[in-house]
Protein backbone atom coordinates (compact mmCIF):
# COMPACT_ATOMS: atom_id res chain seq x y z
CA MET A 1 8.34 -42.70 -2.81
CA THR A 2 5.34 -42.56 0.07
CA ASP A 3 5.01 -39.89 3.63
CA GLU A 4 7.45 -42.18 5.59
CA ALA A 5 9.89 -42.64 2.96
CA LEU A 6 9.92 -38.56 3.88
CA PRO A 7 12.94 -37.22 5.47
CA PRO A 8 11.84 -35.48 8.74
CA ARG A 9 11.33 -31.42 8.86
CA PRO A 10 14.18 -30.04 10.72
CA ARG A 11 12.78 -29.06 13.82
CA GLY A 12 11.79 -24.95 14.06
CA SER A 13 12.95 -24.65 9.81
CA TYR A 14 9.71 -23.18 9.40
CA ALA A 15 9.55 -20.45 12.54
CA LYS A 16 13.47 -19.97 11.31
CA GLY A 17 12.27 -19.10 7.21
CA VAL A 18 9.24 -16.87 8.27
CA ALA A 19 11.14 -14.93 11.02
CA ARG A 20 13.94 -14.82 8.20
CA ARG A 21 11.98 -13.35 6.08
CA GLN A 22 10.46 -11.11 8.00
CA GLU A 23 13.91 -10.02 8.43
CA ILE A 24 14.18 -9.21 4.53
CA LEU A 25 10.30 -7.36 4.54
CA ASP A 26 11.87 -5.43 7.19
CA ARG A 27 14.89 -3.95 5.74
CA ALA A 28 13.72 -3.66 1.79
CA ILE A 29 11.15 -1.14 3.55
CA GLU A 30 13.83 1.07 4.86
CA VAL A 31 15.54 0.53 1.51
CA PHE A 32 12.82 2.23 -0.42
CA ALA A 33 11.88 4.35 2.02
CA GLU A 34 15.44 6.23 1.67
CA ARG A 35 15.77 5.86 -2.40
CA GLY A 36 12.51 4.01 -4.19
CA SER A 37 11.84 1.86 -6.61
CA ASP A 38 14.54 3.60 -8.99
CA LYS A 39 16.89 -0.01 -8.62
CA THR A 40 14.36 -2.48 -9.75
CA SER A 41 16.20 -6.33 -10.49
CA LEU A 42 16.03 -9.01 -7.46
CA ARG A 43 19.99 -8.89 -7.75
CA ALA A 44 20.12 -4.96 -7.18
CA ILE A 45 17.59 -5.25 -4.60
CA ALA A 46 19.25 -8.40 -2.50
CA GLN A 47 22.49 -6.63 -2.80
CA GLU A 48 20.78 -3.42 -1.05
CA VAL A 49 18.88 -5.21 1.40
CA GLY A 50 22.22 -7.45 2.12
CA VAL A 51 21.35 -11.18 1.42
CA THR A 52 21.77 -13.06 -1.67
CA HIS A 53 20.04 -13.58 -4.57
CA ALA A 54 18.85 -17.26 -4.42
CA ALA A 55 17.97 -16.01 -0.64
CA LEU A 56 15.23 -13.18 -2.13
CA THR A 57 13.85 -16.02 -4.82
CA HIS A 58 13.06 -18.56 -2.61
CA HIS A 59 11.40 -16.18 0.15
CA PHE A 60 9.02 -14.75 -2.57
CA GLY A 61 9.38 -15.89 -6.29
CA SER A 62 9.52 -13.23 -8.42
CA LEU A 63 10.43 -9.69 -8.38
CA GLU A 64 6.46 -8.21 -8.34
CA ALA A 65 5.91 -10.68 -5.60
CA LEU A 66 8.89 -8.65 -3.66
CA LEU A 67 7.76 -5.46 -4.26
CA VAL A 68 4.01 -6.23 -3.47
CA GLU A 69 5.08 -7.60 -0.12
CA VAL A 70 7.27 -4.95 0.68
CA TYR A 71 4.03 -2.07 0.01
CA ARG A 72 2.01 -4.43 1.71
CA GLU A 73 3.56 -4.65 5.06
CA PHE A 74 4.53 -0.87 5.31
CA GLU A 75 0.55 -0.91 4.71
CA ARG A 76 -0.20 -2.70 7.52
CA ARG A 77 2.21 -1.27 9.70
CA GLY A 78 0.50 1.96 9.29
CA ASP A 79 -2.48 0.70 10.44
CA ARG A 80 -1.37 -1.10 13.62
CA ASP A 81 0.68 2.56 13.74
CA ASP A 82 -2.08 5.12 13.20
CA PRO A 83 -5.29 3.74 13.76
CA HIS A 84 -8.23 5.60 11.94
CA SER A 85 -10.50 7.26 14.57
CA SER A 86 -14.13 5.97 14.46
CA ASP A 87 -15.18 9.80 13.46
CA ALA A 88 -12.34 10.25 10.05
CA THR A 89 -14.09 10.53 7.06
CA PRO A 90 -12.71 9.24 4.01
CA VAL A 91 -11.21 12.59 3.07
CA GLY A 92 -9.90 12.51 6.66
CA ILE A 93 -8.36 8.96 6.00
CA MET A 94 -6.52 10.16 3.05
CA GLN A 95 -5.02 13.05 4.42
CA GLU A 96 -3.77 11.05 7.22
CA SER A 97 -1.82 8.44 4.78
CA ALA A 98 -0.17 11.25 2.22
CA ARG A 99 0.55 12.97 5.47
CA ARG A 100 2.54 9.67 6.19
CA ASN A 101 3.52 9.28 3.04
CA ARG A 102 5.31 12.59 2.30
CA THR A 103 8.21 10.70 5.16
CA VAL A 104 8.89 7.43 3.15
CA ALA A 105 8.90 9.44 -0.80
CA GLY A 106 10.52 6.02 -2.41
CA LEU A 107 7.25 3.86 -0.47
CA VAL A 108 4.81 6.01 -2.33
CA GLN A 109 6.71 5.83 -4.70
CA LEU A 110 7.14 2.07 -4.89
CA TYR A 111 3.15 1.90 -4.80
CA SER A 112 2.20 3.69 -8.10
CA MET A 113 4.95 1.71 -10.12
CA LEU A 114 2.97 -1.35 -9.05
CA VAL A 115 -0.57 0.64 -9.65
CA ALA A 116 1.17 1.21 -13.53
CA ALA A 117 2.04 -1.70 -13.49
CA ALA A 118 -1.47 -3.68 -13.21
CA LEU A 119 -2.11 -1.57 -16.09
CA GLU A 120 0.12 -4.15 -18.57
CA GLU A 121 0.24 -7.39 -19.63
CA GLY A 122 2.05 -10.07 -17.83
CA HIS A 123 2.01 -8.43 -13.93
CA PRO A 124 -0.68 -10.70 -12.23
CA ALA A 125 0.97 -9.80 -8.80
CA ALA A 126 0.71 -6.41 -9.58
CA ARG A 127 -2.68 -6.52 -11.09
CA ASP A 128 -4.24 -8.44 -7.70
CA PHE A 129 -2.65 -6.26 -5.39
CA ALA A 130 -3.81 -3.37 -7.36
CA THR A 131 -7.77 -4.87 -7.84
CA ARG A 132 -7.40 -6.00 -4.40
CA ARG A 133 -6.75 -2.61 -2.89
CA PHE A 134 -8.80 -0.88 -4.62
CA ALA A 135 -12.11 -2.75 -4.14
CA ALA A 136 -11.49 -3.19 0.06
CA LEU A 137 -10.43 0.64 0.38
CA ARG A 138 -13.99 1.63 -1.99
CA HIS A 139 -15.53 -0.58 -0.17
CA GLU A 140 -14.09 1.20 3.19
CA LEU A 141 -14.56 4.34 2.75
CA ALA A 142 -17.55 4.03 1.05
CA GLU A 143 -19.29 2.00 5.03
CA LEU A 144 -17.70 5.63 6.25
CA VAL A 145 -19.64 7.51 4.00
CA ARG A 146 -22.93 5.70 4.66
CA GLY A 147 -22.20 6.00 8.83
CA HIS A 148 -21.59 9.63 7.61
CA GLN A 149 -24.40 10.33 6.24
CA ARG A 150 -27.03 8.78 8.92
CA ASP A 151 -24.86 10.81 11.02
CA GLY A 152 -25.19 14.12 9.13
CA VAL A 153 -21.74 15.12 8.85
CA LEU A 154 -21.48 14.52 4.79
CA ARG A 155 -24.52 15.40 2.54
CA GLU A 156 -26.39 12.62 1.77
CA ASP A 157 -27.54 13.49 -2.22
CA VAL A 158 -24.32 12.18 -2.90
CA ASP A 159 -23.57 8.35 -3.61
CA PRO A 160 -21.41 6.24 -1.62
CA ASP A 161 -19.92 4.18 -3.81
CA ALA A 162 -19.28 7.14 -6.15
CA VAL A 163 -17.32 9.26 -3.64
CA ALA A 164 -15.56 7.28 -2.74
CA ALA A 165 -14.26 5.82 -5.68
CA LEU A 166 -13.67 9.76 -5.79
CA VAL A 167 -11.75 10.31 -3.12
CA ILE A 168 -8.81 7.74 -3.49
CA ALA A 169 -8.71 9.09 -7.51
CA ALA A 170 -8.03 12.36 -6.27
CA SER A 171 -6.16 11.38 -2.99
CA ASP A 172 -3.55 9.03 -6.04
CA GLY A 173 -3.21 11.82 -8.44
CA LEU A 174 -2.68 14.20 -5.69
CA GLN A 175 0.31 12.32 -5.01
CA THR A 176 1.10 11.42 -7.71
CA GLN A 177 1.64 15.07 -8.37
CA TRP A 178 3.52 16.56 -5.20
CA LEU A 179 6.38 13.05 -6.27
CA LEU A 180 6.48 15.04 -9.67
CA ASP A 181 7.09 18.41 -7.85
CA PRO A 182 6.57 18.92 -3.78
CA ASP A 183 4.86 22.30 -3.35
CA ALA A 184 1.57 20.38 -5.36
CA PRO A 185 -1.17 22.09 -3.28
CA GLN A 186 -1.75 17.83 -1.55
CA ASP A 187 -3.35 19.61 1.36
CA GLU A 188 -5.33 22.91 0.81
CA ALA A 189 -6.71 20.19 -2.40
CA LEU A 190 -8.05 17.60 -0.46
CA ALA A 191 -9.44 20.22 2.04
CA LEU A 192 -11.47 22.00 -0.60
CA LEU A 193 -13.02 18.07 -1.25
CA GLU A 194 -13.84 16.94 1.79
CA LYS A 195 -15.54 20.78 2.67
CA LEU A 196 -17.50 20.18 -0.68
CA LEU A 197 -18.75 16.66 0.27
CA ALA A 198 -19.45 18.52 4.21
CA HIS A 199 -23.66 18.79 4.55
CA PRO A 200 -24.49 22.01 3.57
């Protein structure tokens, strides 16, 4: 079949599809924030979101792709709504993130589920999401460490890349502890890490 023989695409159909996909993401974020990721089949999520199973499959392809997009959209909103101050330290950024995350425990649970899935075979979307996220976050935080070391805020005898990895590990680990036990000293532990990294 030649290009001339193809039926013309209805005007506005692409824009409508993008808008519908965004509506689904908006509602899915609300659903996950409210109840977490207990019901993890596409059909169950479609019912909760108020769309058909076919609509979810059309817009996202798979359950895993939907879950990744839900969390990415949640992060984009957080970055837009709470931009980091120019003098924020790596630990300070994680503290801000932890405070925001405590209001949406279901999305924190979703993130933990995606990272766990990334470690298993057969979950390419989750693995790509987690690998890229950790690499980008390590790079961002390491650059912040270098800047704060130059400014005399953070100690100079520590490797910035190692500090970035440590801060992420501490934040994620404390977040998991908080999911299991709301009394886990998340803020206090991050404040201690900040103190240990501060310029003497």
